[in-house]
Each structure stands twice: as C-alpha cells, then as structure tokens.
Amino acid sequence: MRREPIIMTATMGAADQAWADALRRAHYPADRNVVEAHVTLFHQLPGHCESEIVERTRALAREFACPDARLSEVMRMGNGVAFRIHSPGLLTIRAMMAEDLHGLLTAQDQGTPRLHITVQNKVEAATARALHAALSATFMPRPLAITGLALHRYLGGPWEQIGSWPFRGKAAAR
C-alpha cells in the first residue's frame, strides 16, 4: 500500500497549460521548478486511501461538465506571483470531495482554497514585486479552461501522476 501524500489538481486546457508553463519556466527559480503549472485543489490527501480517492475523483469527473472559470487578477503570494482563479463551480466540486473525505483532511485542506496558478515563488521580495507590477500592467481578466481532475503522488519535490480524468458529465456544478 502506498503511503505518499496525494495532491489533487484541476487540469487546464492545452493552450492555457502551455501559457502557464511558459510563464512558470520564465519566472520560477529553475532549481525549484520541478512540476508543471497547476491548480491545486488538495495539498495532502492520505496516500493510504488512494483507491477511494481515485474512485471518487473518477465519479466527480463523470458527473460534472467543465466548470466555468476565469483568471480574475494577478496576486502576490509571499515571495511569488500567481493568477487568481474565480470558479464557483470548481469550488463546489472540491467541496463535494472534501465532504466525502471528512476526517481525513489536513488543516490546510479543510478550508476553502484561493484557487490560483503560481508562476513564481521563493524569490526575493523585490523580484516578486517587479513581476507582479509587470504582469498587472497588461493583465485583463479572461476565461480559463478547466478540463478535468488529476491526482499525483508527492515524492518530496517532484510528483508522480496517478491519473487524470476529463470532465464529461452534463451537470454544471453550482
């Protein structure tokens, strides 16, 4: 039985993934940039519950259609920069997963997350301020394609993908 923590992310459409990955390669410290750009839904699900987590993730992807999502602003995150995501539907899907895993979530995963895509982290404050200013100067809110759910094992830095499931349901998450 695997014990490594499991990370759940929302997957992005190919064009949005390529855009976010390019920004991350350009601005994230290269020695720390060991994963692709991502939208984290849960940071540390219990690895010993992997089969249950996989089955519930598959079921949510089957049940729901792609939720509407928008990049709403450029935000500072400590010593980094991210794009905030506004998606009530994605938060509803996440809340359903959280309810199913009640009693198994870490304190960090019990609250409602600030959905975002990190493009820079762990840099000097002045570097983060400069990137925030540069990205904010040209930023316009826009749609973001959220296409499914993915699970990964945390391996102390890099991640190992468990699986990825596209949204294919007819129901819109509210």
N, C-alpha and C. Protein backbone atom coordinates (compact mmCIF):
# COMPACT_ATOMS: atom_id res chain seq x y z
N MET A 1 0.85 -1.18 0.00
CA MET A 1 0.00 0.00 0.00
C MET A 1 0.89 1.24 0.00
N ARG A 2 0.61 2.15 -0.90
CA ARG A 2 1.39 3.39 -1.00
C ARG A 2 1.01 4.32 0.16
N ARG A 3 1.97 5.08 0.65
CA ARG A 3 1.72 5.98 1.77
C ARG A 3 2.00 7.44 1.43
N GLU A 4 2.64 7.71 0.27
CA GLU A 4 2.96 9.10 -0.07
C GLU A 4 1.68 9.92 -0.15
N PRO A 5 1.74 11.19 0.30
CA PRO A 5 0.56 12.06 0.20
C PRO A 5 0.13 12.21 -1.26
N ILE A 6 -1.15 12.43 -1.45
CA ILE A 6 -1.73 12.62 -2.78
C ILE A 6 -2.15 14.08 -2.94
N ILE A 7 -1.81 14.64 -4.06
CA ILE A 7 -2.19 16.01 -4.42
C ILE A 7 -3.27 15.92 -5.48
N MET A 8 -4.35 16.67 -5.31
CA MET A 8 -5.39 16.74 -6.34
C MET A 8 -5.30 18.10 -7.01
N THR A 9 -5.30 18.09 -8.34
CA THR A 9 -5.30 19.33 -9.12
C THR A 9 -6.45 19.32 -10.10
N ALA A 10 -6.77 20.52 -10.59
CA ALA A 10 -7.68 20.66 -11.72
C ALA A 10 -6.80 20.79 -12.96
N THR A 11 -7.17 20.11 -14.03
CA THR A 11 -6.39 20.21 -15.26
C THR A 11 -6.90 21.37 -16.10
N MET A 12 -5.96 21.94 -16.87
CA MET A 12 -6.29 23.07 -17.75
C MET A 12 -6.30 22.60 -19.19
N GLY A 13 -6.99 23.37 -20.04
CA GLY A 13 -6.93 23.11 -21.47
C GLY A 13 -5.51 23.29 -21.98
N ALA A 14 -5.21 22.70 -23.14
CA ALA A 14 -3.84 22.68 -23.66
C ALA A 14 -3.26 24.08 -23.84
N ALA A 15 -4.03 25.01 -24.38
CA ALA A 15 -3.50 26.36 -24.60
C ALA A 15 -3.20 27.06 -23.28
N ASP A 16 -4.10 26.94 -22.31
CA ASP A 16 -3.87 27.56 -21.00
C ASP A 16 -2.70 26.89 -20.28
N GLN A 17 -2.57 25.58 -20.41
CA GLN A 17 -1.46 24.88 -19.78
C GLN A 17 -0.13 25.35 -20.37
N ALA A 18 -0.07 25.47 -21.70
CA ALA A 18 1.17 25.92 -22.35
C ALA A 18 1.52 27.34 -21.94
N TRP A 19 0.53 28.22 -21.85
CA TRP A 19 0.73 29.61 -21.44
C TRP A 19 1.29 29.66 -20.01
N ALA A 20 0.65 28.92 -19.10
CA ALA A 20 1.07 28.93 -17.69
C ALA A 20 2.45 28.29 -17.52
N ASP A 21 2.71 27.20 -18.24
CA ASP A 21 4.03 26.56 -18.15
C ASP A 21 5.12 27.50 -18.65
N ALA A 22 4.86 28.24 -19.73
CA ALA A 22 5.87 29.18 -20.26
C ALA A 22 6.18 30.27 -19.23
N LEU A 23 5.15 30.81 -18.58
CA LEU A 23 5.37 31.82 -17.55
C LEU A 23 6.15 31.22 -16.37
N ARG A 24 5.81 30.03 -16.00
CA ARG A 24 6.50 29.38 -14.88
C ARG A 24 7.97 29.13 -15.22
N ARG A 25 8.25 28.65 -16.42
CA ARG A 25 9.65 28.44 -16.83
C ARG A 25 10.42 29.76 -16.84
N ALA A 26 9.77 30.84 -17.23
CA ALA A 26 10.44 32.14 -17.33
C ALA A 26 10.70 32.77 -15.96
N HIS A 27 9.84 32.48 -14.96
CA HIS A 27 9.91 33.25 -13.72
C HIS A 27 10.11 32.43 -12.44
N TYR A 28 9.93 31.14 -12.48
CA TYR A 28 10.11 30.32 -11.28
C TYR A 28 11.58 29.93 -11.19
N PRO A 29 12.19 29.95 -10.01
CA PRO A 29 13.60 29.53 -9.92
C PRO A 29 13.78 28.13 -10.51
N ALA A 30 14.68 28.02 -11.48
CA ALA A 30 14.84 26.78 -12.24
C ALA A 30 15.14 25.57 -11.35
N ASP A 31 15.92 25.76 -10.29
CA ASP A 31 16.28 24.63 -9.43
C ASP A 31 15.11 24.16 -8.57
N ARG A 32 14.05 24.93 -8.50
CA ARG A 32 12.88 24.56 -7.69
C ARG A 32 11.66 24.24 -8.55
N ASN A 33 11.77 24.45 -9.84
CA ASN A 33 10.64 24.26 -10.74
C ASN A 33 10.60 22.80 -11.21
N VAL A 34 10.03 21.93 -10.37
CA VAL A 34 10.06 20.50 -10.65
C VAL A 34 8.70 19.94 -11.08
N VAL A 35 7.67 20.79 -11.14
CA VAL A 35 6.35 20.36 -11.60
C VAL A 35 5.81 21.38 -12.60
N GLU A 36 4.86 20.95 -13.41
CA GLU A 36 4.21 21.86 -14.36
C GLU A 36 3.32 22.85 -13.60
N ALA A 37 2.92 23.90 -14.28
CA ALA A 37 1.93 24.82 -13.72
C ALA A 37 0.67 24.01 -13.40
N HIS A 38 0.01 24.38 -12.32
CA HIS A 38 -1.13 23.58 -11.86
C HIS A 38 -2.09 24.42 -11.02
N VAL A 39 -3.27 23.87 -10.82
CA VAL A 39 -4.30 24.45 -9.96
C VAL A 39 -4.55 23.43 -8.85
N THR A 40 -4.00 23.68 -7.67
CA THR A 40 -4.13 22.73 -6.56
C THR A 40 -5.50 22.82 -5.93
N LEU A 41 -6.14 21.65 -5.76
CA LEU A 41 -7.41 21.57 -5.06
C LEU A 41 -7.21 21.02 -3.65
N PHE A 42 -6.32 20.04 -3.50
CA PHE A 42 -5.95 19.49 -2.20
C PHE A 42 -4.44 19.30 -2.19
N HIS A 43 -3.81 19.69 -1.08
CA HIS A 43 -2.36 19.62 -0.97
C HIS A 43 -1.84 18.28 -0.45
N GLN A 44 -2.64 17.61 0.38
CA GLN A 44 -2.10 16.42 1.04
C GLN A 44 -3.22 15.46 1.45
N LEU A 45 -3.72 14.72 0.47
CA LEU A 45 -4.70 13.68 0.77
C LEU A 45 -3.95 12.44 1.24
N PRO A 46 -4.57 11.63 2.10
CA PRO A 46 -3.85 10.47 2.66
C PRO A 46 -3.60 9.38 1.62
N GLY A 47 -2.33 9.03 1.44
CA GLY A 47 -1.96 8.02 0.47
C GLY A 47 -2.56 6.65 0.73
N HIS A 48 -2.81 6.33 1.99
CA HIS A 48 -3.37 5.01 2.29
C HIS A 48 -4.82 4.88 1.83
N CYS A 49 -5.44 5.98 1.42
CA CYS A 49 -6.82 5.97 0.92
C CYS A 49 -6.86 6.14 -0.61
N GLU A 50 -5.76 5.80 -1.27
CA GLU A 50 -5.65 6.06 -2.71
C GLU A 50 -6.80 5.47 -3.52
N SER A 51 -7.16 4.24 -3.31
CA SER A 51 -8.21 3.63 -4.14
C SER A 51 -9.54 4.36 -3.97
N GLU A 52 -9.88 4.75 -2.76
CA GLU A 52 -11.11 5.51 -2.50
C GLU A 52 -11.04 6.88 -3.18
N ILE A 53 -9.89 7.54 -3.09
CA ILE A 53 -9.72 8.87 -3.67
C ILE A 53 -9.80 8.79 -5.20
N VAL A 54 -9.18 7.79 -5.79
CA VAL A 54 -9.25 7.61 -7.24
C VAL A 54 -10.69 7.38 -7.68
N GLU A 55 -11.41 6.50 -7.01
CA GLU A 55 -12.78 6.20 -7.41
C GLU A 55 -13.68 7.44 -7.29
N ARG A 56 -13.53 8.20 -6.22
CA ARG A 56 -14.37 9.39 -6.06
C ARG A 56 -14.01 10.45 -7.10
N THR A 57 -12.72 10.58 -7.41
CA THR A 57 -12.29 11.54 -8.43
C THR A 57 -12.88 11.17 -9.79
N ARG A 58 -12.82 9.90 -10.14
CA ARG A 58 -13.43 9.42 -11.39
C ARG A 58 -14.92 9.73 -11.43
N ALA A 59 -15.59 9.49 -10.32
CA ALA A 59 -17.04 9.71 -10.27
C ALA A 59 -17.38 11.19 -10.45
N LEU A 60 -16.62 12.07 -9.82
CA LEU A 60 -16.88 13.51 -9.98
C LEU A 60 -16.64 13.95 -11.42
N ALA A 61 -15.60 13.44 -12.04
CA ALA A 61 -15.32 13.80 -13.44
C ALA A 61 -16.41 13.29 -14.37
N ARG A 62 -16.95 12.10 -14.08
CA ARG A 62 -18.06 11.56 -14.90
C ARG A 62 -19.32 12.38 -14.73
N GLU A 63 -19.57 12.86 -13.50
CA GLU A 63 -20.82 13.53 -13.18
C GLU A 63 -20.90 14.96 -13.70
N PHE A 64 -19.79 15.68 -13.67
CA PHE A 64 -19.84 17.11 -13.95
C PHE A 64 -19.23 17.48 -15.29
N ALA A 65 -19.78 18.55 -15.86
CA ALA A 65 -19.22 19.19 -17.06
C ALA A 65 -18.09 20.12 -16.61
N CYS A 66 -17.31 20.57 -17.58
CA CYS A 66 -16.23 21.52 -17.27
C CYS A 66 -16.83 22.76 -16.60
N PRO A 67 -16.34 23.13 -15.43
CA PRO A 67 -16.89 24.32 -14.77
C PRO A 67 -16.35 25.60 -15.41
N ASP A 68 -17.18 26.63 -15.40
CA ASP A 68 -16.71 27.94 -15.85
C ASP A 68 -15.61 28.42 -14.92
N ALA A 69 -14.60 29.06 -15.49
CA ALA A 69 -13.51 29.60 -14.69
C ALA A 69 -12.95 30.82 -15.40
N ARG A 70 -12.45 31.76 -14.59
CA ARG A 70 -11.84 32.98 -15.12
C ARG A 70 -10.58 33.30 -14.35
N LEU A 71 -9.57 33.77 -15.08
CA LEU A 71 -8.43 34.39 -14.41
C LEU A 71 -8.91 35.77 -14.02
N SER A 72 -8.89 36.09 -12.73
CA SER A 72 -9.52 37.33 -12.27
C SER A 72 -8.54 38.43 -11.89
N GLU A 73 -7.31 38.07 -11.51
CA GLU A 73 -6.33 39.08 -11.14
C GLU A 73 -4.96 38.47 -10.98
N VAL A 74 -3.95 39.33 -11.01
CA VAL A 74 -2.58 38.95 -10.67
C VAL A 74 -2.44 39.20 -9.17
N MET A 75 -1.92 38.24 -8.44
CA MET A 75 -1.83 38.40 -7.00
C MET A 75 -0.43 38.07 -6.49
N ARG A 76 -0.03 38.76 -5.45
CA ARG A 76 1.21 38.46 -4.74
C ARG A 76 0.93 37.31 -3.79
N MET A 77 1.87 36.41 -3.70
CA MET A 77 1.78 35.30 -2.75
C MET A 77 3.10 35.22 -2.02
N GLY A 78 3.23 35.96 -0.94
CA GLY A 78 4.50 35.96 -0.22
C GLY A 78 5.60 36.44 -1.15
N ASN A 79 6.58 35.60 -1.38
CA ASN A 79 7.68 35.93 -2.29
C ASN A 79 7.46 35.28 -3.65
N GLY A 80 6.28 35.53 -4.20
CA GLY A 80 5.95 35.00 -5.51
C GLY A 80 4.73 35.69 -6.09
N VAL A 81 4.34 35.21 -7.26
CA VAL A 81 3.23 35.80 -8.01
C VAL A 81 2.37 34.68 -8.59
N ALA A 82 1.07 34.90 -8.59
CA ALA A 82 0.13 33.92 -9.13
C ALA A 82 -1.02 34.64 -9.81
N PHE A 83 -1.79 33.89 -10.56
CA PHE A 83 -3.03 34.38 -11.15
C PHE A 83 -4.18 33.77 -10.37
N ARG A 84 -5.05 34.62 -9.83
CA ARG A 84 -6.22 34.14 -9.08
C ARG A 84 -7.26 33.62 -10.07
N ILE A 85 -7.91 32.54 -9.67
CA ILE A 85 -8.95 31.92 -10.49
C ILE A 85 -10.28 32.06 -9.77
N HIS A 86 -11.27 32.53 -10.49
CA HIS A 86 -12.64 32.61 -9.98
C HIS A 86 -13.43 31.48 -10.63
N SER A 87 -13.88 30.51 -9.83
CA SER A 87 -14.64 29.39 -10.35
C SER A 87 -15.51 28.77 -9.26
N PRO A 88 -16.71 29.33 -9.05
CA PRO A 88 -17.60 28.74 -8.04
C PRO A 88 -17.90 27.27 -8.31
N GLY A 89 -18.03 26.90 -9.58
CA GLY A 89 -18.32 25.51 -9.90
C GLY A 89 -17.20 24.56 -9.49
N LEU A 90 -15.97 24.95 -9.73
CA LEU A 90 -14.83 24.12 -9.32
C LEU A 90 -14.77 24.02 -7.80
N LEU A 91 -15.06 25.11 -7.11
CA LEU A 91 -15.08 25.06 -5.64
C LEU A 91 -16.19 24.14 -5.13
N THR A 92 -17.32 24.08 -5.84
CA THR A 92 -18.40 23.17 -5.45
C THR A 92 -17.96 21.72 -5.59
N ILE A 93 -17.30 21.40 -6.71
CA ILE A 93 -16.80 20.04 -6.92
C ILE A 93 -15.78 19.68 -5.83
N ARG A 94 -14.90 20.62 -5.53
CA ARG A 94 -13.91 20.40 -4.47
C ARG A 94 -14.59 20.17 -3.12
N ALA A 95 -15.62 20.95 -2.83
CA ALA A 95 -16.35 20.81 -1.56
C ALA A 95 -17.00 19.44 -1.45
N MET A 96 -17.47 18.91 -2.56
CA MET A 96 -18.06 17.56 -2.54
C MET A 96 -16.99 16.52 -2.19
N MET A 97 -15.81 16.67 -2.76
CA MET A 97 -14.71 15.76 -2.44
C MET A 97 -14.32 15.90 -0.96
N ALA A 98 -14.25 17.14 -0.49
CA ALA A 98 -13.90 17.37 0.92
C ALA A 98 -14.92 16.72 1.86
N GLU A 99 -16.18 16.81 1.51
CA GLU A 99 -17.23 16.18 2.33
C GLU A 99 -17.04 14.66 2.37
N ASP A 100 -16.72 14.08 1.22
CA ASP A 100 -16.51 12.63 1.16
C ASP A 100 -15.30 12.19 1.96
N LEU A 101 -14.33 13.08 2.12
CA LEU A 101 -13.09 12.74 2.84
C LEU A 101 -13.05 13.33 4.24
N HIS A 102 -14.21 13.71 4.76
CA HIS A 102 -14.29 14.29 6.11
C HIS A 102 -13.55 13.40 7.11
N GLY A 103 -12.75 14.03 7.94
CA GLY A 103 -11.98 13.31 8.94
C GLY A 103 -10.60 12.88 8.45
N LEU A 104 -10.35 13.02 7.14
CA LEU A 104 -9.06 12.60 6.58
C LEU A 104 -8.23 13.78 6.08
N LEU A 105 -8.79 15.00 6.15
CA LEU A 105 -8.10 16.16 5.58
C LEU A 105 -7.19 16.84 6.60
N THR A 106 -6.06 17.34 6.11
CA THR A 106 -5.17 18.14 6.95
C THR A 106 -5.84 19.49 7.21
N ALA A 107 -5.33 20.22 8.18
CA ALA A 107 -5.88 21.55 8.48
C ALA A 107 -5.82 22.44 7.24
N GLN A 108 -4.73 22.37 6.48
CA GLN A 108 -4.59 23.20 5.27
C GLN A 108 -5.68 22.88 4.26
N ASP A 109 -6.09 21.62 4.14
CA ASP A 109 -7.07 21.22 3.14
C ASP A 109 -8.52 21.31 3.64
N GLN A 110 -8.73 21.64 4.90
CA GLN A 110 -10.09 21.74 5.42
C GLN A 110 -10.78 23.04 5.01
N GLY A 111 -10.02 24.10 4.81
CA GLY A 111 -10.61 25.38 4.44
C GLY A 111 -10.87 25.47 2.95
N THR A 112 -11.51 26.55 2.55
CA THR A 112 -11.76 26.82 1.13
C THR A 112 -10.50 27.45 0.54
N PRO A 113 -9.97 26.88 -0.53
CA PRO A 113 -8.72 27.41 -1.09
C PRO A 113 -8.94 28.68 -1.90
N ARG A 114 -7.87 29.44 -2.05
CA ARG A 114 -7.83 30.55 -3.01
C ARG A 114 -7.27 29.95 -4.29
N LEU A 115 -8.13 29.59 -5.21
CA LEU A 115 -7.68 28.94 -6.44
C LEU A 115 -6.74 29.87 -7.19
N HIS A 116 -5.63 29.30 -7.68
CA HIS A 116 -4.64 30.12 -8.37
C HIS A 116 -3.67 29.24 -9.16
N ILE A 117 -2.93 29.91 -10.04
CA ILE A 117 -1.82 29.29 -10.78
C ILE A 117 -0.57 30.07 -10.39
N THR A 118 0.36 29.42 -9.72
CA THR A 118 1.60 30.07 -9.31
C THR A 118 2.58 30.08 -10.48
N VAL A 119 3.10 31.27 -10.80
CA VAL A 119 4.10 31.37 -11.87
C VAL A 119 5.48 31.76 -11.31
N GLN A 120 5.52 32.15 -10.05
CA GLN A 120 6.79 32.49 -9.42
C GLN A 120 6.64 32.27 -7.92
N ASN A 121 7.69 31.73 -7.29
CA ASN A 121 7.67 31.53 -5.85
C ASN A 121 9.11 31.43 -5.36
N LYS A 122 9.29 31.73 -4.07
CA LYS A 122 10.59 31.57 -3.41
C LYS A 122 11.68 32.42 -4.05
N VAL A 123 11.32 33.68 -4.35
CA VAL A 123 12.29 34.64 -4.88
C VAL A 123 12.37 35.81 -3.90
N GLU A 124 13.30 36.71 -4.12
CA GLU A 124 13.41 37.92 -3.30
C GLU A 124 12.14 38.75 -3.45
N ALA A 125 11.76 39.43 -2.39
CA ALA A 125 10.54 40.24 -2.41
C ALA A 125 10.55 41.27 -3.54
N ALA A 126 11.69 41.90 -3.80
CA ALA A 126 11.78 42.90 -4.87
C ALA A 126 11.53 42.26 -6.24
N THR A 127 12.01 41.04 -6.43
CA THR A 127 11.79 40.34 -7.69
C THR A 127 10.31 40.03 -7.88
N ALA A 128 9.66 39.60 -6.80
CA ALA A 128 8.22 39.32 -6.87
C ALA A 128 7.42 40.60 -7.12
N ARG A 129 7.78 41.69 -6.46
CA ARG A 129 7.08 42.97 -6.69
C ARG A 129 7.21 43.40 -8.14
N ALA A 130 8.41 43.24 -8.70
CA ALA A 130 8.64 43.67 -10.09
C ALA A 130 7.81 42.83 -11.07
N LEU A 131 7.76 41.51 -10.87
CA LEU A 131 6.96 40.68 -11.77
C LEU A 131 5.48 40.98 -11.59
N HIS A 132 5.04 41.16 -10.36
CA HIS A 132 3.63 41.50 -10.11
C HIS A 132 3.27 42.78 -10.86
N ALA A 133 4.10 43.79 -10.77
CA ALA A 133 3.83 45.06 -11.46
C ALA A 133 3.80 44.87 -12.97
N ALA A 134 4.75 44.11 -13.50
CA ALA A 134 4.82 43.91 -14.96
C ALA A 134 3.60 43.13 -15.47
N LEU A 135 3.23 42.06 -14.78
CA LEU A 135 2.07 41.28 -15.23
C LEU A 135 0.77 42.04 -15.03
N SER A 136 0.67 42.79 -13.94
CA SER A 136 -0.55 43.57 -13.66
C SER A 136 -0.78 44.66 -14.69
N ALA A 137 0.30 45.22 -15.23
CA ALA A 137 0.19 46.33 -16.18
C ALA A 137 -0.54 45.93 -17.46
N THR A 138 -0.47 44.66 -17.83
CA THR A 138 -1.11 44.23 -19.07
C THR A 138 -2.23 43.21 -18.85
N PHE A 139 -2.51 42.87 -17.60
CA PHE A 139 -3.50 41.82 -17.32
C PHE A 139 -4.92 42.27 -17.62
N MET A 140 -5.65 41.38 -18.27
CA MET A 140 -7.09 41.55 -18.48
C MET A 140 -7.75 40.24 -18.04
N PRO A 141 -8.77 40.31 -17.19
CA PRO A 141 -9.47 39.08 -16.81
C PRO A 141 -9.92 38.33 -18.08
N ARG A 142 -9.85 37.00 -17.99
CA ARG A 142 -10.22 36.20 -19.17
C ARG A 142 -10.63 34.80 -18.74
N PRO A 143 -11.34 34.11 -19.63
CA PRO A 143 -11.72 32.73 -19.32
C PRO A 143 -10.49 31.83 -19.19
N LEU A 144 -10.63 30.80 -18.38
CA LEU A 144 -9.61 29.77 -18.20
C LEU A 144 -10.31 28.43 -18.39
N ALA A 145 -9.77 27.59 -19.25
CA ALA A 145 -10.36 26.27 -19.50
C ALA A 145 -9.94 25.30 -18.41
N ILE A 146 -10.90 24.84 -17.62
CA ILE A 146 -10.68 23.79 -16.63
C ILE A 146 -11.32 22.53 -17.22
N THR A 147 -10.50 21.51 -17.45
CA THR A 147 -10.96 20.37 -18.24
C THR A 147 -11.14 19.06 -17.47
N GLY A 148 -10.61 18.98 -16.26
CA GLY A 148 -10.73 17.73 -15.53
C GLY A 148 -10.04 17.76 -14.19
N LEU A 149 -9.86 16.58 -13.63
CA LEU A 149 -9.22 16.42 -12.33
C LEU A 149 -8.05 15.46 -12.47
N ALA A 150 -7.01 15.69 -11.69
CA ALA A 150 -5.83 14.82 -11.72
C ALA A 150 -5.35 14.56 -10.29
N LEU A 151 -4.73 13.39 -10.12
CA LEU A 151 -4.15 13.02 -8.83
C LEU A 151 -2.68 12.70 -9.04
N HIS A 152 -1.87 13.10 -8.05
CA HIS A 152 -0.42 12.92 -8.11
C HIS A 152 0.08 12.46 -6.75
N ARG A 153 1.12 11.64 -6.74
CA ARG A 153 1.82 11.30 -5.50
C ARG A 153 2.92 12.34 -5.29
N TYR A 154 3.01 12.84 -4.07
CA TYR A 154 4.08 13.78 -3.72
C TYR A 154 5.32 12.98 -3.35
N LEU A 155 6.42 13.22 -4.06
CA LEU A 155 7.65 12.46 -3.85
C LEU A 155 8.77 13.34 -3.29
N GLY A 156 8.41 14.26 -2.40
CA GLY A 156 9.41 15.11 -1.76
C GLY A 156 9.89 16.24 -2.64
N GLY A 157 9.20 16.58 -3.64
CA GLY A 157 9.55 17.63 -4.61
C GLY A 157 8.81 17.34 -5.90
N PRO A 158 9.35 16.42 -6.71
CA PRO A 158 8.62 16.04 -7.93
C PRO A 158 7.34 15.27 -7.59
N TRP A 159 6.46 15.19 -8.56
CA TRP A 159 5.21 14.45 -8.41
C TRP A 159 5.20 13.29 -9.39
N GLU A 160 4.49 12.24 -9.01
CA GLU A 160 4.23 11.10 -9.91
C GLU A 160 2.74 11.07 -10.18
N GLN A 161 2.36 11.13 -11.44
CA GLN A 161 0.93 11.16 -11.76
C GLN A 161 0.29 9.81 -11.49
N ILE A 162 -0.82 9.84 -10.79
CA ILE A 162 -1.63 8.65 -10.55
C ILE A 162 -2.61 8.49 -11.71
N GLY A 163 -3.25 9.60 -12.09
CA GLY A 163 -4.22 9.57 -13.18
C GLY A 163 -4.83 10.92 -13.41
N SER A 164 -5.49 11.06 -14.55
CA SER A 164 -6.15 12.30 -14.93
C SER A 164 -7.47 11.93 -15.60
N TRP A 165 -8.55 12.60 -15.21
CA TRP A 165 -9.88 12.27 -15.70
C TRP A 165 -10.57 13.53 -16.21
N PRO A 166 -10.94 13.57 -17.48
CA PRO A 166 -11.61 14.75 -18.02
C PRO A 166 -13.05 14.83 -17.51
N PHE A 167 -13.52 16.07 -17.32
CA PHE A 167 -14.94 16.25 -17.02
C PHE A 167 -15.72 15.83 -18.26
N ARG A 168 -16.77 15.03 -18.05
CA ARG A 168 -17.56 14.59 -19.19
C ARG A 168 -19.05 14.49 -18.87
N GLY A 169 -19.42 15.00 -17.71
CA GLY A 169 -20.82 14.94 -17.33
C GLY A 169 -21.63 16.04 -17.97
N LYS A 170 -22.91 16.01 -17.73
CA LYS A 170 -23.83 17.02 -18.25
C LYS A 170 -24.18 18.06 -17.19
N ALA A 171 -23.96 17.72 -15.94
CA ALA A 171 -24.35 18.60 -14.84
C ALA A 171 -23.33 19.71 -14.65
N ALA A 172 -23.84 20.92 -14.51
CA ALA A 172 -22.97 22.05 -14.17
C ALA A 172 -22.92 22.17 -12.65
N ALA A 173 -21.74 22.29 -12.11
CA ALA A 173 -21.58 22.46 -10.66
C ALA A 173 -21.97 23.88 -10.29
N ARG A 174 -22.76 24.03 -9.29
CA ARG A 174 -23.21 25.37 -8.86
C ARG A 174 -22.62 25.70 -7.51
